[in-house]
Amino acid sequence: MEELAGTVLVGNSFEPVRGRVVVEDGRIEAIEETATDSTDIILPAFVNAHTHLGDSVAKDAAVGLSLEEAVVPPESLKHRRLQAADRADLVTAMCRTLRYMHRTGTISCLDFREFGPAGARALCDAADPLDIEPFIFGSGDPAVLDVADGYGASGANDADFTDERAACAERGVPFAIHAGEPDDSDIHPALDLEPDLLVHMVHARQAHLDRVADQSVPIVACPRANAVLDVGRPPIRELLDHTTVALGTDNVMLNPPNVFREMAYTATHFDVSAREVLGMATTAGADIAGLDCGRIAPGRRAALTVLDGDSDNLAGSADPVEAVVRRATPLDVERVLC
């Protein structure tokens, strides 16, 4: 049994409770309100809801390029670099990115992995020695579902994904697809596939939002990547008003997978509260992937991030939730429990 003391951000509302979290056999046994001298802040570990970890072999290579030049298959810089990458180098690069993510408070990520079963196996190998578990959305042949946790489609304008959608339904695993990133032309076709997850939705209009609500489709927003690629600003307030919205950092070649940066950017540039942003970075991604984490509650997995509330950066903050979302950085992380 282990006890973590300080300010605990409890439940779906992240209510600050002064006390301790009791952990036994990797699960939260109890949350107890009690006097404590600890200045630590205890929050759910992050779930980064959209990554492309293979891009770890091409960090910053696409700076200044357009969306099509940078990432659109099959001729973009990203896909050329991935095609040319040595497998051992790719696995090492993804392993290092995963290790960085864990050190900065992330317990899992929902990764779109390119190059079919071989690509999914490479990510499995990269994660094997680490305490972070990627949820893998595979690509290519539906046989990738023998390795991956679900299927991740590039976009409805790129190909016909009817067979892949059917394969996911048959196996009872999620089908995810990019939509509405360069424009809105692929949103209705993506929704026609009845996806379990949409990524981006930068150009979502009211008709799209109404369908999203009717179909109860969650969405992952990646605002920093959208800004880097100059494709527009996702309507995060409107998305939240219609469905579950999670937060992702997208391509490693464009941005470090640093959820602290993503939260601060989102809280600063969009009409959202700190609690909503923290939910996007924790609870929403966990619920989308069916992970037993993302909130601090009895019986849940003890996937927790502990921050030093008395660091030079966080000391004196009036609100621990605002401090986590707007101010905290990886330097404030004391420990990540998995």
C-alpha atoms as a PDB file:
ATOM      1  CA  MET A   1       0.000   0.000   0.000  1.00  0.00           C
ATOM      2  CA  GLU A   2       1.171   3.533  -0.834  1.00  0.00           C
ATOM      3  CA  GLU A   3      -0.168   6.951   0.108  1.00  0.00           C
ATOM      4  CA  LEU A   4       0.244  10.129  -1.941  1.00  0.00           C
ATOM      5  CA  ALA A   5      -0.486  13.344  -0.049  1.00  0.00           C
ATOM      6  CA  GLY A   6      -1.191  16.883  -1.189  1.00  0.00           C
ATOM      7  CA  THR A   7      -3.937  18.563  -3.213  1.00  0.00           C
ATOM      8  CA  VAL A   8      -5.818  15.845  -5.073  1.00  0.00           C
ATOM      9  CA  LEU A   9      -7.855  16.768  -8.177  1.00  0.00           C
ATOM     10  CA  VAL A  10     -10.774  14.395  -7.683  1.00  0.00           C
ATOM     11  CA  GLY A  11     -13.371  12.978 -10.050  1.00  0.00           C
ATOM     12  CA  ASN A  12     -14.772  14.332 -13.298  1.00  0.00           C
ATOM     13  CA  SER A  13     -14.803  17.918 -12.000  1.00  0.00           C
ATOM     14  CA  PHE A  14     -11.200  17.818 -10.673  1.00  0.00           C
ATOM     15  CA  GLU A  15     -12.370  19.122  -7.301  1.00  0.00           C
ATOM     16  CA  PRO A  16      -9.279  20.062  -5.237  1.00  0.00           C
ATOM     17  CA  VAL A  17      -9.221  18.006  -2.036  1.00  0.00           C
ATOM     18  CA  ARG A  18      -6.518  18.420   0.590  1.00  0.00           C
ATOM     19  CA  GLY A  19      -5.634  14.941   1.718  1.00  0.00           C
ATOM     20  CA  ARG A  20      -4.250  11.727   0.312  1.00  0.00           C
ATOM     21  CA  VAL A  21      -4.767   9.032  -2.285  1.00  0.00           C
ATOM     22  CA  VAL A  22      -4.392   5.482  -1.026  1.00  0.00           C
ATOM     23  CA  VAL A  23      -3.053   3.093  -3.698  1.00  0.00           C
ATOM     24  CA  GLU A  24      -2.999  -0.682  -3.403  1.00  0.00           C
ATOM     25  CA  ASP A  25      -2.060  -3.196  -6.102  1.00  0.00           C
ATOM     26  CA  GLY A  26      -2.022  -0.474  -8.737  1.00  0.00           C
ATOM     27  CA  ARG A  27      -5.544   0.785  -8.031  1.00  0.00           C
ATOM     28  CA  ILE A  28      -6.990   3.694  -6.077  1.00  0.00           C
ATOM     29  CA  GLU A  29      -8.241   2.253  -2.812  1.00  0.00           C
ATOM     30  CA  ALA A  30      -9.480   5.506  -1.282  1.00  0.00           C
ATOM     31  CA  ILE A  31      -9.327   9.301  -1.376  1.00  0.00           C
ATOM     32  CA  GLU A  32      -9.184  10.728   2.121  1.00  0.00           C
ATOM     33  CA  GLU A  33      -9.635  14.350   3.111  1.00  0.00           C
ATOM     34  CA  THR A  34      -7.153  15.085   5.869  1.00  0.00           C
ATOM     35  CA  ALA A  35      -4.634  17.655   7.030  1.00  0.00           C
ATOM     36  CA  THR A  36      -1.295  17.448   5.242  1.00  0.00           C
ATOM     37  CA  ASP A  37       1.838  19.530   4.925  1.00  0.00           C
ATOM     38  CA  SER A  38       2.474  18.294   1.393  1.00  0.00           C
ATOM     39  CA  THR A  39       2.400  20.910  -1.356  1.00  0.00           C
ATOM     40  CA  ASP A  40       2.190  18.290  -4.139  1.00  0.00           C
ATOM     41  CA  ILE A  41      -0.604  18.409  -6.721  1.00  0.00           C
ATOM     42  CA  ILE A  42      -1.946  14.984  -7.707  1.00  0.00           C
ATOM     43  CA  LEU A  43      -3.847  14.710 -10.984  1.00  0.00           C
ATOM     44  CA  PRO A  44      -4.790  11.978 -13.452  1.00  0.00           C
ATOM     45  CA  ALA A  45      -1.989  11.129 -15.851  1.00  0.00           C
ATOM     46  CA  PHE A  46      -2.543  12.485 -19.349  1.00  0.00           C
ATOM     47  CA  VAL A  47      -3.920  10.549 -22.305  1.00  0.00           C
ATOM     48  CA  ASN A  48      -2.626  12.165 -25.502  1.00  0.00           C
ATOM     49  CA  ALA A  49      -5.548  11.426 -27.807  1.00  0.00           C
ATOM     50  CA  HIS A  50      -3.845  11.823 -31.191  1.00  0.00           C
ATOM     51  CA  THR A  51      -0.227  11.190 -32.119  1.00  0.00           C
ATOM     52  CA  HIS A  52       1.815  10.027 -35.092  1.00  0.00           C
ATOM     53  CA  LEU A  53       4.834   8.542 -33.315  1.00  0.00           C
ATOM     54  CA  GLY A  54       6.485   7.300 -36.501  1.00  0.00           C
ATOM     55  CA  ASP A  55       7.264  10.937 -37.260  1.00  0.00           C
ATOM     56  CA  SER A  56       9.911  10.713 -34.551  1.00  0.00           C
ATOM     57  CA  VAL A  57      12.390   9.913 -37.346  1.00  0.00           C
ATOM     58  CA  ALA A  58      11.757  13.325 -38.957  1.00  0.00           C
ATOM     59  CA  LYS A  59      11.528  15.865 -36.140  1.00  0.00           C
ATOM     60  CA  ASP A  60      11.244  19.459 -37.418  1.00  0.00           C
ATOM     61  CA  ALA A  61      11.856  18.351 -41.008  1.00  0.00           C
ATOM     62  CA  ALA A  62       8.522  19.817 -42.165  1.00  0.00           C
ATOM     63  CA  VAL A  63       8.873  23.297 -40.676  1.00  0.00           C
ATOM     64  CA  GLY A  64       7.449  25.806 -43.143  1.00  0.00           C
ATOM     65  CA  LEU A  65       5.751  23.224 -45.359  1.00  0.00           C
ATOM     66  CA  SER A  66       2.055  23.090 -46.200  1.00  0.00           C
ATOM     67  CA  LEU A  67      -0.239  20.299 -45.006  1.00  0.00           C
ATOM     68  CA  GLU A  68       0.021  18.507 -48.344  1.00  0.00           C
ATOM     69  CA  GLU A  69       3.797  18.860 -48.534  1.00  0.00           C
ATOM     70  CA  ALA A  70       4.294  17.798 -44.918  1.00  0.00           C
ATOM     71  CA  VAL A  71       1.940  14.908 -44.179  1.00  0.00           C
ATOM     72  CA  VAL A  72      -0.572  14.009 -46.913  1.00  0.00           C
ATOM     73  CA  PRO A  73       0.031  10.462 -48.256  1.00  0.00           C
ATOM     74  CA  PRO A  74       1.662   9.087 -50.266  1.00  0.00           C
ATOM     75  CA  GLU A  75       4.202  11.652 -51.529  1.00  0.00           C
ATOM     76  CA  SER A  76       4.641  13.976 -48.551  1.00  0.00           C
ATOM     77  CA  LEU A  77       7.958  14.497 -46.783  1.00  0.00           C
ATOM     78  CA  LYS A  78       6.644  12.490 -43.836  1.00  0.00           C
ATOM     79  CA  HIS A  79       5.820   9.405 -45.894  1.00  0.00           C
ATOM     80  CA  ARG A  80       9.070   9.552 -47.823  1.00  0.00           C
ATOM     81  CA  ARG A  81      11.009   9.678 -44.566  1.00  0.00           C
ATOM     82  CA  LEU A  82       8.981   6.822 -43.065  1.00  0.00           C
ATOM     83  CA  GLN A  83       9.428   4.691 -46.174  1.00  0.00           C
ATOM     84  CA  ALA A  84      13.192   5.211 -46.083  1.00  0.00           C
ATOM     85  CA  ALA A  85      13.633   4.705 -42.327  1.00  0.00           C
ATOM     86  CA  ASP A  86      15.569   1.704 -41.056  1.00  0.00           C
ATOM     87  CA  ARG A  87      13.305  -0.338 -38.767  1.00  0.00           C
ATOM     88  CA  ALA A  88      15.746  -0.349 -35.868  1.00  0.00           C
ATOM     89  CA  ASP A  89      16.132   3.426 -36.114  1.00  0.00           C
ATOM     90  CA  LEU A  90      12.351   3.850 -36.265  1.00  0.00           C
ATOM     91  CA  VAL A  91      11.774   1.709 -33.176  1.00  0.00           C
ATOM     92  CA  THR A  92      14.483   3.563 -31.262  1.00  0.00           C
ATOM     93  CA  ALA A  93      13.089   6.967 -32.249  1.00  0.00           C
ATOM     94  CA  MET A  94       9.536   6.016 -31.215  1.00  0.00           C
ATOM     95  CA  CYS A  95      10.813   4.528 -27.960  1.00  0.00           C
ATOM     96  CA  ARG A  96      12.587   7.773 -27.099  1.00  0.00           C
ATOM     97  CA  THR A  97       9.449   9.807 -27.824  1.00  0.00           C
ATOM     98  CA  LEU A  98       7.338   7.489 -25.686  1.00  0.00           C
ATOM     99  CA  ARG A  99       9.876   7.777 -22.864  1.00  0.00           C
ATOM    100  CA  TYR A 100       9.699  11.579 -23.113  1.00  0.00           C
ATOM    101  CA  MET A 101       5.913  11.447 -22.990  1.00  0.00           C
ATOM    102  CA  HIS A 102       5.914   9.306 -19.860  1.00  0.00           C
ATOM    103  CA  ARG A 103       8.407  11.566 -18.124  1.00  0.00           C
ATOM    104  CA  THR A 104       6.154  14.532 -18.887  1.00  0.00           C
ATOM    105  CA  GLY A 105       3.023  13.041 -17.356  1.00  0.00           C
ATOM    106  CA  THR A 106       1.437  10.960 -20.126  1.00  0.00           C
ATOM    107  CA  ILE A 107       0.334   7.386 -19.444  1.00  0.00           C
ATOM    108  CA  SER A 108      -1.077   6.519 -22.881  1.00  0.00           C
ATOM    109  CA  CYS A 109      -1.560   7.900 -26.373  1.00  0.00           C
ATOM    110  CA  LEU A 110      -3.917   7.103 -29.235  1.00  0.00           C
ATOM    111  CA  ASP A 111      -1.510   6.672 -32.107  1.00  0.00           C
ATOM    112  CA  PHE A 112      -2.213   6.493 -35.834  1.00  0.00           C
ATOM    113  CA  ARG A 113       0.501   4.082 -37.004  1.00  0.00           C
ATOM    114  CA  GLU A 114       1.378   3.907 -40.656  1.00  0.00           C
ATOM    115  CA  PHE A 115       2.507   0.930 -42.792  1.00  0.00           C
ATOM    116  CA  GLY A 116       0.114  -1.812 -41.804  1.00  0.00           C
ATOM    117  CA  PRO A 117       0.914  -4.761 -39.525  1.00  0.00           C
ATOM    118  CA  ALA A 118       4.662  -4.140 -39.755  1.00  0.00           C
ATOM    119  CA  GLY A 119       4.185  -0.543 -38.600  1.00  0.00           C
ATOM    120  CA  ALA A 120       1.978  -1.606 -35.692  1.00  0.00           C
ATOM    121  CA  ARG A 121       4.488  -4.254 -34.610  1.00  0.00           C
ATOM    122  CA  ALA A 122       7.274  -1.680 -34.678  1.00  0.00           C
ATOM    123  CA  LEU A 123       5.317   0.497 -32.247  1.00  0.00           C
ATOM    124  CA  CYS A 124       4.627  -2.506 -30.008  1.00  0.00           C
ATOM    125  CA  ASP A 125       8.373  -3.165 -29.909  1.00  0.00           C
ATOM    126  CA  ALA A 126       9.087   0.505 -29.125  1.00  0.00           C
ATOM    127  CA  ALA A 127       6.672   0.491 -26.176  1.00  0.00           C
ATOM    128  CA  ASP A 128       7.608  -2.929 -24.815  1.00  0.00           C
ATOM    129  CA  PRO A 129      10.335  -1.814 -22.349  1.00  0.00           C
ATOM    130  CA  LEU A 130       8.418   1.252 -21.118  1.00  0.00           C
ATOM    131  CA  ASP A 131       5.677   2.149 -18.634  1.00  0.00           C
ATOM    132  CA  ILE A 132       3.499   3.845 -21.248  1.00  0.00           C
ATOM    133  CA  GLU A 133       0.959   1.931 -23.324  1.00  0.00           C
ATOM    134  CA  PRO A 134       0.010   3.333 -26.735  1.00  0.00           C
ATOM    135  CA  PHE A 135      -3.448   2.529 -28.082  1.00  0.00           C
ATOM    136  CA  ILE A 136      -2.629   1.689 -31.696  1.00  0.00           C
ATOM    137  CA  PHE A 137      -4.857   2.666 -34.592  1.00  0.00           C
ATOM    138  CA  GLY A 138      -3.370   0.650 -37.440  1.00  0.00           C
ATOM    139  CA  SER A 139      -3.556   1.349 -41.157  1.00  0.00           C
ATOM    140  CA  GLY A 140      -3.398  -0.410 -44.516  1.00  0.00           C
ATOM    141  CA  ASP A 141      -4.851  -3.888 -44.851  1.00  0.00           C
ATOM    142  CA  PRO A 142      -7.615  -4.772 -42.330  1.00  0.00           C
ATOM    143  CA  ALA A 143      -5.305  -7.615 -41.237  1.00  0.00           C
ATOM    144  CA  VAL A 144      -3.552  -4.939 -39.203  1.00  0.00           C
ATOM    145  CA  LEU A 145      -6.296  -5.525 -36.619  1.00  0.00           C
ATOM    146  CA  ASP A 146      -4.495  -8.742 -35.690  1.00  0.00           C
ATOM    147  CA  VAL A 147      -1.867  -6.449 -34.142  1.00  0.00           C
ATOM    148  CA  ALA A 148      -3.499  -3.048 -33.590  1.00  0.00           C
ATOM    149  CA  ASP A 149      -6.252  -1.972 -31.168  1.00  0.00           C
ATOM    150  CA  GLY A 150      -8.328  -0.295 -33.889  1.00  0.00           C
ATOM    151  CA  TYR A 151      -8.115   1.209 -37.360  1.00  0.00           C
ATOM    152  CA  GLY A 152      -7.025   4.784 -38.164  1.00  0.00           C
ATOM    153  CA  ALA A 153      -7.984   6.092 -41.612  1.00  0.00           C
ATOM    154  CA  SER A 154      -6.214   9.018 -43.236  1.00  0.00           C
ATOM    155  CA  GLY A 155      -9.377  10.665 -44.591  1.00  0.00           C
ATOM    156  CA  ALA A 156     -12.522   9.903 -46.547  1.00  0.00           C
ATOM    157  CA  ASN A 157     -11.218  11.695 -49.649  1.00  0.00           C
ATOM    158  CA  ASP A 158      -8.088   9.529 -49.758  1.00  0.00           C
ATOM    159  CA  ALA A 159      -9.680   6.105 -50.264  1.00  0.00           C
ATOM    160  CA  ASP A 160     -12.764   3.975 -49.726  1.00  0.00           C
ATOM    161  CA  PHE A 161     -12.560   2.672 -46.146  1.00  0.00           C
ATOM    162  CA  THR A 162     -15.804   0.668 -46.203  1.00  0.00           C
ATOM    163  CA  ASP A 163     -14.041  -2.689 -45.801  1.00  0.00           C
ATOM    164  CA  GLU A 164     -11.867  -1.401 -42.960  1.00  0.00           C
ATOM    165  CA  ARG A 165     -14.936  -0.015 -41.184  1.00  0.00           C
ATOM    166  CA  ALA A 166     -16.719  -3.339 -41.557  1.00  0.00           C
ATOM    167  CA  ALA A 167     -13.687  -5.224 -40.227  1.00  0.00           C
ATOM    168  CA  CYS A 168     -13.657  -3.025 -37.113  1.00  0.00           C
ATOM    169  CA  ALA A 169     -17.378  -3.589 -36.546  1.00  0.00           C
ATOM    170  CA  GLU A 170     -16.925  -7.340 -36.908  1.00  0.00           C
ATOM    171  CA  ARG A 171     -14.128  -7.402 -34.343  1.00  0.00           C
ATOM    172  CA  GLY A 172     -15.736  -4.859 -31.992  1.00  0.00           C
ATOM    173  CA  VAL A 173     -12.795  -2.436 -32.160  1.00  0.00           C
ATOM    174  CA  PRO A 174     -12.878   1.317 -32.880  1.00  0.00           C
ATOM    175  CA  PHE A 175     -12.640   2.911 -36.309  1.00  0.00           C
ATOM    176  CA  ALA A 176     -11.143   6.431 -36.327  1.00  0.00           C
ATOM    177  CA  ILE A 177     -10.670   8.840 -39.217  1.00  0.00           C
ATOM    178  CA  HIS A 178      -9.207  12.276 -39.907  1.00  0.00           C
ATOM    179  CA  ALA A 179     -11.844  14.777 -41.060  1.00  0.00           C
ATOM    180  CA  GLY A 180     -12.176  18.481 -41.735  1.00  0.00           C
ATOM    181  CA  GLU A 181      -8.498  19.371 -41.584  1.00  0.00           C
ATOM    182  CA  PRO A 182      -7.763  21.110 -44.914  1.00  0.00           C
ATOM    183  CA  ASP A 183     -11.453  21.870 -45.627  1.00  0.00           C
ATOM    184  CA  ASP A 184     -14.909  20.457 -44.923  1.00  0.00           C
ATOM    185  CA  SER A 185     -15.266  18.266 -48.016  1.00  0.00           C
ATOM    186  CA  ASP A 186     -14.457  15.000 -46.237  1.00  0.00           C
ATOM    187  CA  ILE A 187     -16.583  15.477 -43.101  1.00  0.00           C
ATOM    188  CA  HIS A 188     -19.945  14.152 -44.332  1.00  0.00           C
ATOM    189  CA  PRO A 189     -18.255  11.179 -46.088  1.00  0.00           C
ATOM    190  CA  ALA A 190     -16.379  10.426 -42.866  1.00  0.00           C
ATOM    191  CA  LEU A 191     -19.597  10.549 -40.844  1.00  0.00           C
ATOM    192  CA  ASP A 192     -21.251   8.255 -43.393  1.00  0.00           C
ATOM    193  CA  LEU A 193     -18.779   5.578 -42.229  1.00  0.00           C
ATOM    194  CA  GLU A 194     -20.231   5.836 -38.693  1.00  0.00           C
ATOM    195  CA  PRO A 195     -16.796   6.272 -37.094  1.00  0.00           C
ATOM    196  CA  ASP A 196     -16.048   5.817 -33.420  1.00  0.00           C
ATOM    197  CA  LEU A 197     -13.702   8.820 -33.456  1.00  0.00           C
ATOM    198  CA  LEU A 198     -13.057  11.876 -35.625  1.00  0.00           C
ATOM    199  CA  VAL A 199      -9.755  13.754 -35.587  1.00  0.00           C
ATOM    200  CA  HIS A 200      -9.387  17.514 -36.222  1.00  0.00           C
ATOM    201  CA  MET A 201     -12.778  18.852 -37.471  1.00  0.00           C
ATOM    202  CA  VAL A 202     -11.189  22.274 -37.981  1.00  0.00           C
ATOM    203  CA  HIS A 203     -13.757  23.220 -40.625  1.00  0.00           C
ATOM    204  CA  ALA A 204     -16.845  21.729 -38.984  1.00  0.00           C
ATOM    205  CA  ARG A 205     -20.077  23.621 -39.768  1.00  0.00           C
ATOM    206  CA  GLN A 206     -23.416  23.447 -38.000  1.00  0.00           C
ATOM    207  CA  ALA A 207     -24.702  20.632 -40.212  1.00  0.00           C
ATOM    208  CA  HIS A 208     -21.630  18.590 -39.331  1.00  0.00           C
ATOM    209  CA  LEU A 209     -21.984  19.355 -35.630  1.00  0.00           C
ATOM    210  CA  ASP A 210     -25.617  18.270 -35.687  1.00  0.00           C
ATOM    211  CA  ARG A 211     -24.627  14.925 -37.214  1.00  0.00           C
ATOM    212  CA  VAL A 212     -21.804  14.520 -34.706  1.00  0.00           C
ATOM    213  CA  ALA A 213     -24.261  15.036 -31.860  1.00  0.00           C
ATOM    214  CA  ASP A 214     -26.855  12.708 -33.389  1.00  0.00           C
ATOM    215  CA  GLN A 215     -24.252   9.972 -33.898  1.00  0.00           C
ATOM    216  CA  SER A 216     -22.485  10.643 -30.559  1.00  0.00           C
ATOM    217  CA  VAL A 217     -19.063  10.692 -32.204  1.00  0.00           C
ATOM    218  CA  PRO A 218     -16.196  11.966 -30.016  1.00  0.00           C
ATOM    219  CA  ILE A 219     -13.595  14.279 -31.528  1.00  0.00           C
ATOM    220  CA  VAL A 220      -9.889  14.895 -30.955  1.00  0.00           C
ATOM    221  CA  ALA A 221      -8.728  18.485 -31.414  1.00  0.00           C
ATOM    222  CA  CYS A 222      -5.053  19.243 -32.175  1.00  0.00           C
ATOM    223  CA  PRO A 223      -4.902  23.055 -32.075  1.00  0.00           C
ATOM    224  CA  ARG A 224      -1.119  23.523 -32.060  1.00  0.00           C
ATOM    225  CA  ALA A 225      -0.596  21.269 -35.074  1.00  0.00           C
ATOM    226  CA  ASN A 226      -3.424  23.023 -36.901  1.00  0.00           C
ATOM    227  CA  ALA A 227      -1.692  26.337 -36.245  1.00  0.00           C
ATOM    228  CA  VAL A 228       1.717  25.086 -37.399  1.00  0.00           C
ATOM    229  CA  LEU A 229       0.225  23.792 -40.650  1.00  0.00           C
ATOM    230  CA  ASP A 230      -1.905  26.937 -41.038  1.00  0.00           C
ATOM    231  CA  VAL A 231      -5.123  25.008 -41.717  1.00  0.00           C
ATOM    232  CA  GLY A 232      -7.283  27.054 -39.340  1.00  0.00           C
ATOM    233  CA  ARG A 233      -8.605  26.973 -35.789  1.00  0.00           C
ATOM    234  CA  PRO A 234     -10.834  24.127 -34.606  1.00  0.00           C
ATOM    235  CA  PRO A 235     -14.159  25.410 -33.190  1.00  0.00           C
ATOM    236  CA  ILE A 236     -13.431  23.867 -29.802  1.00  0.00           C
ATOM    237  CA  ARG A 237     -16.239  25.635 -27.926  1.00  0.00           C
ATOM    238  CA  GLU A 238     -18.809  24.454 -30.451  1.00  0.00           C
ATOM    239  CA  LEU A 239     -17.320  20.956 -30.516  1.00  0.00           C
ATOM    240  CA  LEU A 240     -17.565  20.706 -26.725  1.00  0.00           C
ATOM    241  CA  ASP A 241     -21.167  21.864 -26.865  1.00  0.00           C
ATOM    242  CA  HIS A 242     -22.019  18.910 -29.124  1.00  0.00           C
ATOM    243  CA  THR A 243     -19.847  15.966 -28.057  1.00  0.00           C
ATOM    244  CA  THR A 244     -16.872  14.644 -26.091  1.00  0.00           C
ATOM    245  CA  VAL A 245     -13.643  16.386 -27.115  1.00  0.00           C
ATOM    246  CA  ALA A 246     -10.148  15.134 -26.320  1.00  0.00           C
ATOM    247  CA  LEU A 247      -6.789  16.802 -26.848  1.00  0.00           C
ATOM    248  CA  GLY A 248      -3.953  15.525 -29.037  1.00  0.00           C
ATOM    249  CA  THR A 249      -0.536  16.795 -30.073  1.00  0.00           C
ATOM    250  CA  ASP A 250      -0.585  15.154 -33.543  1.00  0.00           C
ATOM    251  CA  ASN A 251       2.606  14.757 -35.616  1.00  0.00           C
ATOM    252  CA  VAL A 252       5.844  14.482 -33.651  1.00  0.00           C
ATOM    253  CA  MET A 253       7.643  16.024 -36.628  1.00  0.00           C
ATOM    254  CA  LEU A 254       5.682  19.246 -36.040  1.00  0.00           C
ATOM    255  CA  ASN A 255       5.326  19.482 -32.245  1.00  0.00           C
ATOM    256  CA  PRO A 256       6.773  17.738 -29.213  1.00  0.00           C
ATOM    257  CA  PRO A 257       4.099  15.513 -27.620  1.00  0.00           C
ATOM    258  CA  ASN A 258       3.971  17.772 -24.575  1.00  0.00           C
ATOM    259  CA  VAL A 259       0.450  17.876 -23.152  1.00  0.00           C
ATOM    260  CA  PHE A 260       1.326  20.778 -20.845  1.00  0.00           C
ATOM    261  CA  ARG A 261       2.018  22.924 -23.907  1.00  0.00           C
ATOM    262  CA  GLU A 262      -1.172  21.755 -25.603  1.00  0.00           C
ATOM    263  CA  MET A 263      -3.286  22.562 -22.547  1.00  0.00           C
ATOM    264  CA  ALA A 264      -1.790  26.023 -22.060  1.00  0.00           C
ATOM    265  CA  TYR A 265      -2.230  26.853 -25.750  1.00  0.00           C
ATOM    266  CA  THR A 266      -5.843  25.679 -25.734  1.00  0.00           C
ATOM    267  CA  ALA A 267      -6.746  27.512 -22.527  1.00  0.00           C
ATOM    268  CA  THR A 268      -5.181  30.719 -23.825  1.00  0.00           C
ATOM    269  CA  HIS A 269      -6.545  30.765 -27.367  1.00  0.00           C
ATOM    270  CA  PHE A 270     -10.035  29.251 -27.078  1.00  0.00           C
ATOM    271  CA  ASP A 271     -13.242  29.864 -25.149  1.00  0.00           C
ATOM    272  CA  VAL A 272     -12.811  26.993 -22.725  1.00  0.00           C
ATOM    273  CA  SER A 273     -12.334  26.704 -18.979  1.00  0.00           C
ATOM    274  CA  ALA A 274      -9.288  25.184 -17.319  1.00  0.00           C
ATOM    275  CA  ARG A 275     -11.411  22.282 -16.064  1.00  0.00           C
ATOM    276  CA  GLU A 276     -12.676  21.572 -19.573  1.00  0.00           C
ATOM    277  CA  VAL A 277      -9.121  21.573 -20.904  1.00  0.00           C
ATOM    278  CA  LEU A 278      -7.878  19.242 -18.164  1.00  0.00           C
ATOM    279  CA  GLY A 279     -10.774  16.899 -18.958  1.00  0.00           C
ATOM    280  CA  MET A 280      -9.801  16.961 -22.644  1.00  0.00           C
ATOM    281  CA  ALA A 281      -6.250  15.972 -21.691  1.00  0.00           C
ATOM    282  CA  THR A 282      -7.194  13.167 -19.302  1.00  0.00           C
ATOM    283  CA  THR A 283     -10.739  11.829 -18.982  1.00  0.00           C
ATOM    284  CA  ALA A 284     -11.884  12.252 -22.591  1.00  0.00           C
ATOM    285  CA  GLY A 285      -8.999  10.382 -24.211  1.00  0.00           C
ATOM    286  CA  ALA A 286      -9.193   7.596 -21.639  1.00  0.00           C
ATOM    287  CA  ASP A 287     -12.930   7.158 -22.173  1.00  0.00           C
ATOM    288  CA  ILE A 288     -12.581   7.166 -25.973  1.00  0.00           C
ATOM    289  CA  ALA A 289     -10.064   4.311 -25.839  1.00  0.00           C
ATOM    290  CA  GLY A 290     -11.810   2.472 -23.016  1.00  0.00           C
ATOM    291  CA  LEU A 291      -8.839   2.899 -20.688  1.00  0.00           C
ATOM    292  CA  ASP A 292      -9.324   2.523 -16.950  1.00  0.00           C
ATOM    293  CA  CYS A 293      -7.699   5.827 -16.084  1.00  0.00           C
ATOM    294  CA  GLY A 294      -8.259   9.543 -16.706  1.00  0.00           C
ATOM    295  CA  ARG A 295      -9.904  10.403 -13.390  1.00  0.00           C
ATOM    296  CA  ILE A 296      -9.075  10.001  -9.705  1.00  0.00           C
ATOM    297  CA  ALA A 297     -11.785   7.882  -8.103  1.00  0.00           C
ATOM    298  CA  PRO A 298     -11.895   4.779  -5.892  1.00  0.00           C
ATOM    299  CA  GLY A 299     -11.505   1.577  -7.862  1.00  0.00           C
ATOM    300  CA  ARG A 300      -9.831   3.239 -10.839  1.00  0.00           C
ATOM    301  CA  ARG A 301      -6.345   2.429 -12.047  1.00  0.00           C
ATOM    302  CA  ALA A 302      -3.755   4.527 -10.209  1.00  0.00           C
ATOM    303  CA  ALA A 303      -2.415   6.295 -13.305  1.00  0.00           C
ATOM    304  CA  LEU A 304      -1.351   9.544 -11.686  1.00  0.00           C
ATOM    305  CA  THR A 305       0.955  12.490 -12.224  1.00  0.00           C
ATOM    306  CA  VAL A 306       2.413  14.224  -9.190  1.00  0.00           C
ATOM    307  CA  LEU A 307       3.509  17.854  -9.524  1.00  0.00           C
ATOM    308  CA  ASP A 308       5.657  19.852  -7.117  1.00  0.00           C
ATOM    309  CA  GLY A 309       3.225  22.564  -6.047  1.00  0.00           C
ATOM    310  CA  ASP A 310       6.066  24.352  -4.264  1.00  0.00           C
ATOM    311  CA  SER A 311       8.298  24.571  -7.338  1.00  0.00           C
ATOM    312  CA  ASP A 312       9.585  27.996  -8.257  1.00  0.00           C
ATOM    313  CA  ASN A 313       7.040  27.958 -11.072  1.00  0.00           C
ATOM    314  CA  LEU A 314       3.903  26.822  -9.208  1.00  0.00           C
ATOM    315  CA  ALA A 315       4.426  28.192  -5.676  1.00  0.00           C
ATOM    316  CA  GLY A 316       1.817  30.806  -4.771  1.00  0.00           C
ATOM    317  CA  SER A 317      -0.754  29.842  -7.406  1.00  0.00           C
ATOM    318  CA  ALA A 318      -4.288  30.622  -6.224  1.00  0.00           C
ATOM    319  CA  ASP A 319      -5.997  27.760  -8.097  1.00  0.00           C
ATOM    320  CA  PRO A 320      -4.427  24.304  -8.558  1.00  0.00           C
ATOM    321  CA  VAL A 321      -6.477  23.498 -11.688  1.00  0.00           C
ATOM    322  CA  GLU A 322      -5.510  26.762 -13.376  1.00  0.00           C
ATOM    323  CA  ALA A 323      -1.913  26.124 -12.296  1.00  0.00           C
ATOM    324  CA  VAL A 324      -1.880  22.668 -13.908  1.00  0.00           C
ATOM    325  CA  VAL A 325      -3.446  23.830 -17.159  1.00  0.00           C
ATOM    326  CA  ARG A 326      -1.936  27.258 -17.738  1.00  0.00           C
ATOM    327  CA  ARG A 327       1.338  27.325 -15.826  1.00  0.00           C
ATOM    328  CA  ALA A 328       2.775  23.865 -15.180  1.00  0.00           C
ATOM    329  CA  THR A 329       5.605  22.454 -17.292  1.00  0.00           C
ATOM    330  CA  PRO A 330       7.434  19.108 -17.369  1.00  0.00           C
ATOM    331  CA  LEU A 331       9.978  20.595 -14.948  1.00  0.00           C
ATOM    332  CA  ASP A 332       7.246  20.532 -12.268  1.00  0.00           C
ATOM    333  CA  VAL A 333       6.656  16.769 -12.613  1.00  0.00           C
ATOM    334  CA  GLU A 334       7.908  14.855  -9.580  1.00  0.00           C
ATOM    335  CA  ARG A 335       6.578  11.437 -10.439  1.00  0.00           C
ATOM    336  CA  VAL A 336       4.325   9.540 -12.843  1.00  0.00           C
ATOM    337  CA  LEU A 337       2.556   6.440 -11.526  1.00  0.00           C
ATOM    338  CA  CYS A 338       1.337   3.875 -14.020  1.00  0.00           C
END
